[in-house]
Amino acid sequence: MPQIKSAIKRVKTQEESRKRNAAQMNKLRTAVKKFKTAAAAGDEDASKLRLEAESALDKAASKGLIHKNKAARDKSRLAKLAK
C-alpha cells in the first residue's frame, strides 16, 4: 500500500476505473455473443442484435476500452456474419 497521499488516491481511482472498464467490456462481449448465437441459429431478431453489438463496439472505442481499428474490424466481421 502506498504511503504518499496522492498515491493512495490514485490506487482508489484505478480500482474504480478497473471495475468500470470490466463492466463495459462484459457488456460488449455479451452483446457480440448474443448476436453470434442468434446469427448461427438464424433468428429473425439477429439484425437488431447486430445493431446493438455495433453500438456497444462504438461506445467501447469512444471510451478508449478498445482501439478504433479493432472496433471497425469487429463490426466488419459481424456484418459479414450477418449475410
N, C-alpha and C. Protein backbone atom coordinates (compact mmCIF):
# COMPACT_ATOMS: atom_id res chain seq x y z
N MET A 1 0.84 -1.18 0.00
CA MET A 1 0.00 0.00 0.00
C MET A 1 0.90 1.25 0.00
N PRO A 2 0.58 2.21 -0.83
CA PRO A 2 1.41 3.41 -0.89
C PRO A 2 1.29 4.26 0.39
N GLN A 3 2.34 5.03 0.62
CA GLN A 3 2.38 5.89 1.81
C GLN A 3 2.01 7.33 1.48
N ILE A 4 2.27 7.75 0.26
CA ILE A 4 2.03 9.13 -0.14
C ILE A 4 0.54 9.32 -0.44
N LYS A 5 0.02 10.45 0.00
CA LYS A 5 -1.42 10.71 -0.09
C LYS A 5 -1.92 10.65 -1.54
N SER A 6 -1.22 11.25 -2.46
CA SER A 6 -1.66 11.25 -3.86
C SER A 6 -1.62 9.84 -4.45
N ALA A 7 -0.65 9.04 -4.02
CA ALA A 7 -0.57 7.66 -4.49
C ALA A 7 -1.72 6.83 -3.94
N ILE A 8 -2.12 7.11 -2.70
CA ILE A 8 -3.27 6.41 -2.11
C ILE A 8 -4.54 6.74 -2.89
N LYS A 9 -4.71 8.02 -3.24
CA LYS A 9 -5.87 8.42 -4.03
C LYS A 9 -5.85 7.76 -5.40
N ARG A 10 -4.65 7.67 -5.98
CA ARG A 10 -4.53 7.08 -7.32
C ARG A 10 -4.93 5.61 -7.30
N VAL A 11 -4.57 4.89 -6.26
CA VAL A 11 -4.95 3.48 -6.13
C VAL A 11 -6.47 3.35 -6.11
N LYS A 12 -7.14 4.27 -5.39
CA LYS A 12 -8.60 4.22 -5.32
C LYS A 12 -9.22 4.47 -6.70
N THR A 13 -8.73 5.48 -7.40
CA THR A 13 -9.32 5.80 -8.70
C THR A 13 -9.01 4.70 -9.72
N GLN A 14 -7.84 4.09 -9.61
CA GLN A 14 -7.51 2.99 -10.52
C GLN A 14 -8.46 1.81 -10.31
N GLU A 15 -8.79 1.54 -9.07
CA GLU A 15 -9.71 0.43 -8.78
C GLU A 15 -11.10 0.71 -9.34
N GLU A 16 -11.57 1.96 -9.18
CA GLU A 16 -12.87 2.34 -9.73
C GLU A 16 -12.87 2.20 -11.25
N SER A 17 -11.79 2.67 -11.88
CA SER A 17 -11.69 2.58 -13.34
C SER A 17 -11.65 1.13 -13.80
N ARG A 18 -10.92 0.30 -13.06
CA ARG A 18 -10.81 -1.11 -13.43
C ARG A 18 -12.18 -1.79 -13.39
N LYS A 19 -12.95 -1.50 -12.35
CA LYS A 19 -14.29 -2.08 -12.25
C LYS A 19 -15.21 -1.58 -13.36
N ARG A 20 -15.15 -0.28 -13.63
CA ARG A 20 -15.98 0.30 -14.69
C ARG A 20 -15.61 -0.28 -16.05
N ASN A 21 -14.31 -0.38 -16.32
CA ASN A 21 -13.85 -0.92 -17.60
C ASN A 21 -14.26 -2.39 -17.75
N ALA A 22 -14.14 -3.15 -16.67
CA ALA A 22 -14.52 -4.56 -16.71
C ALA A 22 -16.00 -4.71 -17.01
N ALA A 23 -16.83 -3.87 -16.40
CA ALA A 23 -18.27 -3.94 -16.64
C ALA A 23 -18.60 -3.60 -18.09
N GLN A 24 -17.96 -2.57 -18.62
CA GLN A 24 -18.19 -2.17 -20.01
C GLN A 24 -17.76 -3.27 -20.98
N MET A 25 -16.62 -3.90 -20.70
CA MET A 25 -16.14 -4.97 -21.58
C MET A 25 -17.08 -6.17 -21.51
N ASN A 26 -17.63 -6.45 -20.33
CA ASN A 26 -18.59 -7.55 -20.21
C ASN A 26 -19.85 -7.27 -21.04
N LYS A 27 -20.32 -6.02 -21.00
CA LYS A 27 -21.49 -5.66 -21.81
C LYS A 27 -21.19 -5.83 -23.29
N LEU A 28 -20.00 -5.41 -23.69
CA LEU A 28 -19.60 -5.53 -25.09
C LEU A 28 -19.56 -6.99 -25.52
N ARG A 29 -18.89 -7.80 -24.75
CA ARG A 29 -18.75 -9.22 -25.09
C ARG A 29 -20.11 -9.91 -25.12
N THR A 30 -20.99 -9.56 -24.19
CA THR A 30 -22.32 -10.17 -24.14
C THR A 30 -23.12 -9.80 -25.37
N ALA A 31 -23.05 -8.52 -25.79
CA ALA A 31 -23.81 -8.08 -26.97
C ALA A 31 -23.33 -8.81 -28.22
N VAL A 32 -22.02 -8.94 -28.35
CA VAL A 32 -21.47 -9.63 -29.53
C VAL A 32 -21.85 -11.11 -29.51
N LYS A 33 -21.76 -11.72 -28.33
CA LYS A 33 -22.08 -13.14 -28.21
C LYS A 33 -23.55 -13.40 -28.52
N LYS A 34 -24.44 -12.51 -28.05
CA LYS A 34 -25.87 -12.67 -28.33
C LYS A 34 -26.12 -12.65 -29.82
N PHE A 35 -25.47 -11.71 -30.52
CA PHE A 35 -25.67 -11.64 -31.97
C PHE A 35 -25.13 -12.89 -32.65
N LYS A 36 -23.95 -13.34 -32.26
CA LYS A 36 -23.36 -14.51 -32.92
C LYS A 36 -24.22 -15.75 -32.75
N THR A 37 -24.78 -15.94 -31.56
CA THR A 37 -25.63 -17.11 -31.35
C THR A 37 -26.93 -16.97 -32.13
N ALA A 38 -27.47 -15.76 -32.20
CA ALA A 38 -28.71 -15.55 -32.97
C ALA A 38 -28.45 -15.74 -34.45
N ALA A 39 -27.32 -15.27 -34.94
CA ALA A 39 -26.99 -15.42 -36.37
C ALA A 39 -26.77 -16.89 -36.71
N ALA A 40 -26.14 -17.62 -35.82
CA ALA A 40 -25.90 -19.04 -36.07
C ALA A 40 -27.21 -19.81 -36.08
N ALA A 41 -28.16 -19.39 -35.25
CA ALA A 41 -29.45 -20.07 -35.18
C ALA A 41 -30.39 -19.59 -36.27
N GLY A 42 -30.07 -18.48 -36.92
CA GLY A 42 -30.92 -17.95 -37.97
C GLY A 42 -32.14 -17.22 -37.45
N ASP A 43 -32.03 -16.63 -36.29
CA ASP A 43 -33.16 -15.90 -35.70
C ASP A 43 -33.49 -14.64 -36.50
N GLU A 44 -34.75 -14.22 -36.40
CA GLU A 44 -35.19 -13.03 -37.13
C GLU A 44 -34.70 -11.74 -36.47
N ASP A 45 -34.49 -11.78 -35.15
CA ASP A 45 -34.06 -10.57 -34.45
C ASP A 45 -32.54 -10.38 -34.48
N ALA A 46 -31.84 -11.12 -35.33
CA ALA A 46 -30.39 -11.03 -35.41
C ALA A 46 -29.95 -9.64 -35.89
N SER A 47 -30.73 -9.03 -36.79
CA SER A 47 -30.33 -7.71 -37.29
C SER A 47 -30.40 -6.67 -36.18
N LYS A 48 -31.39 -6.79 -35.31
CA LYS A 48 -31.50 -5.88 -34.17
C LYS A 48 -30.33 -6.09 -33.21
N LEU A 49 -29.99 -7.33 -32.96
CA LEU A 49 -28.87 -7.65 -32.08
C LEU A 49 -27.55 -7.19 -32.68
N ARG A 50 -27.45 -7.23 -34.01
CA ARG A 50 -26.23 -6.75 -34.67
C ARG A 50 -26.06 -5.26 -34.45
N LEU A 51 -27.15 -4.51 -34.55
CA LEU A 51 -27.08 -3.07 -34.31
C LEU A 51 -26.65 -2.78 -32.87
N GLU A 52 -27.17 -3.55 -31.93
CA GLU A 52 -26.78 -3.38 -30.53
C GLU A 52 -25.31 -3.69 -30.32
N ALA A 53 -24.83 -4.75 -30.97
CA ALA A 53 -23.42 -5.12 -30.84
C ALA A 53 -22.52 -4.04 -31.45
N GLU A 54 -22.92 -3.51 -32.61
CA GLU A 54 -22.12 -2.46 -33.24
C GLU A 54 -22.12 -1.20 -32.38
N SER A 55 -23.24 -0.90 -31.77
CA SER A 55 -23.32 0.25 -30.88
C SER A 55 -22.40 0.06 -29.68
N ALA A 56 -22.38 -1.14 -29.13
CA ALA A 56 -21.51 -1.43 -27.99
C ALA A 56 -20.04 -1.31 -28.39
N LEU A 57 -19.71 -1.75 -29.60
CA LEU A 57 -18.34 -1.61 -30.09
C LEU A 57 -17.95 -0.15 -30.24
N ASP A 58 -18.87 0.66 -30.79
CA ASP A 58 -18.59 2.09 -30.96
C ASP A 58 -18.39 2.78 -29.61
N LYS A 59 -19.23 2.43 -28.64
CA LYS A 59 -19.11 3.03 -27.31
C LYS A 59 -17.78 2.65 -26.67
N ALA A 60 -17.40 1.39 -26.80
CA ALA A 60 -16.14 0.94 -26.21
C ALA A 60 -14.95 1.66 -26.86
N ALA A 61 -15.03 1.88 -28.17
CA ALA A 61 -13.95 2.58 -28.86
C ALA A 61 -13.90 4.04 -28.44
N SER A 62 -15.05 4.66 -28.29
CA SER A 62 -15.07 6.08 -27.92
C SER A 62 -14.59 6.29 -26.48
N LYS A 63 -14.80 5.29 -25.63
CA LYS A 63 -14.36 5.40 -24.24
C LYS A 63 -12.90 4.97 -24.06
N GLY A 64 -12.30 4.46 -25.12
CA GLY A 64 -10.90 4.06 -25.04
C GLY A 64 -10.68 2.65 -24.51
N LEU A 65 -11.74 1.86 -24.43
CA LEU A 65 -11.59 0.48 -23.96
C LEU A 65 -10.92 -0.38 -25.02
N ILE A 66 -11.28 -0.15 -26.28
CA ILE A 66 -10.66 -0.87 -27.38
C ILE A 66 -10.23 0.16 -28.42
N HIS A 67 -9.30 -0.22 -29.26
CA HIS A 67 -8.82 0.67 -30.32
C HIS A 67 -9.89 0.81 -31.39
N LYS A 68 -9.92 1.96 -32.04
CA LYS A 68 -10.96 2.20 -33.05
C LYS A 68 -10.82 1.24 -34.23
N ASN A 69 -9.60 0.83 -34.55
CA ASN A 69 -9.42 -0.14 -35.64
C ASN A 69 -9.97 -1.51 -35.27
N LYS A 70 -9.85 -1.89 -34.01
CA LYS A 70 -10.42 -3.17 -33.56
C LYS A 70 -11.93 -3.11 -33.64
N ALA A 71 -12.51 -1.97 -33.28
CA ALA A 71 -13.96 -1.82 -33.36
C ALA A 71 -14.41 -1.94 -34.81
N ALA A 72 -13.70 -1.30 -35.73
CA ALA A 72 -14.05 -1.36 -37.14
C ALA A 72 -13.91 -2.77 -37.67
N ARG A 73 -12.84 -3.45 -37.27
CA ARG A 73 -12.62 -4.83 -37.72
C ARG A 73 -13.72 -5.75 -37.22
N ASP A 74 -14.08 -5.61 -35.95
CA ASP A 74 -15.12 -6.45 -35.38
C ASP A 74 -16.48 -6.17 -36.02
N LYS A 75 -16.78 -4.90 -36.30
CA LYS A 75 -18.04 -4.55 -36.95
C LYS A 75 -18.09 -5.15 -38.35
N SER A 76 -16.97 -5.12 -39.04
CA SER A 76 -16.91 -5.71 -40.38
C SER A 76 -17.16 -7.22 -40.32
N ARG A 77 -16.59 -7.86 -39.34
CA ARG A 77 -16.79 -9.31 -39.19
C ARG A 77 -18.24 -9.64 -38.83
N LEU A 78 -18.87 -8.79 -38.02
CA LEU A 78 -20.27 -9.01 -37.68
C LEU A 78 -21.16 -8.85 -38.92
N ALA A 79 -20.84 -7.84 -39.75
CA ALA A 79 -21.62 -7.63 -40.97
C ALA A 79 -21.46 -8.81 -41.91
N LYS A 80 -20.26 -9.32 -42.00
CA LYS A 80 -20.00 -10.48 -42.87
C LYS A 80 -20.76 -11.70 -42.36
N LEU A 81 -20.81 -11.85 -41.05
CA LEU A 81 -21.52 -12.97 -40.45
C LEU A 81 -23.04 -12.86 -40.66
N ALA A 82 -23.53 -11.63 -40.75
CA ALA A 82 -24.97 -11.40 -40.90
C ALA A 82 -25.48 -11.76 -42.29
N LYS A 83 -24.59 -11.77 -43.25
CA LYS A 83 -25.02 -12.05 -44.64
C LYS A 83 -25.44 -13.48 -44.82
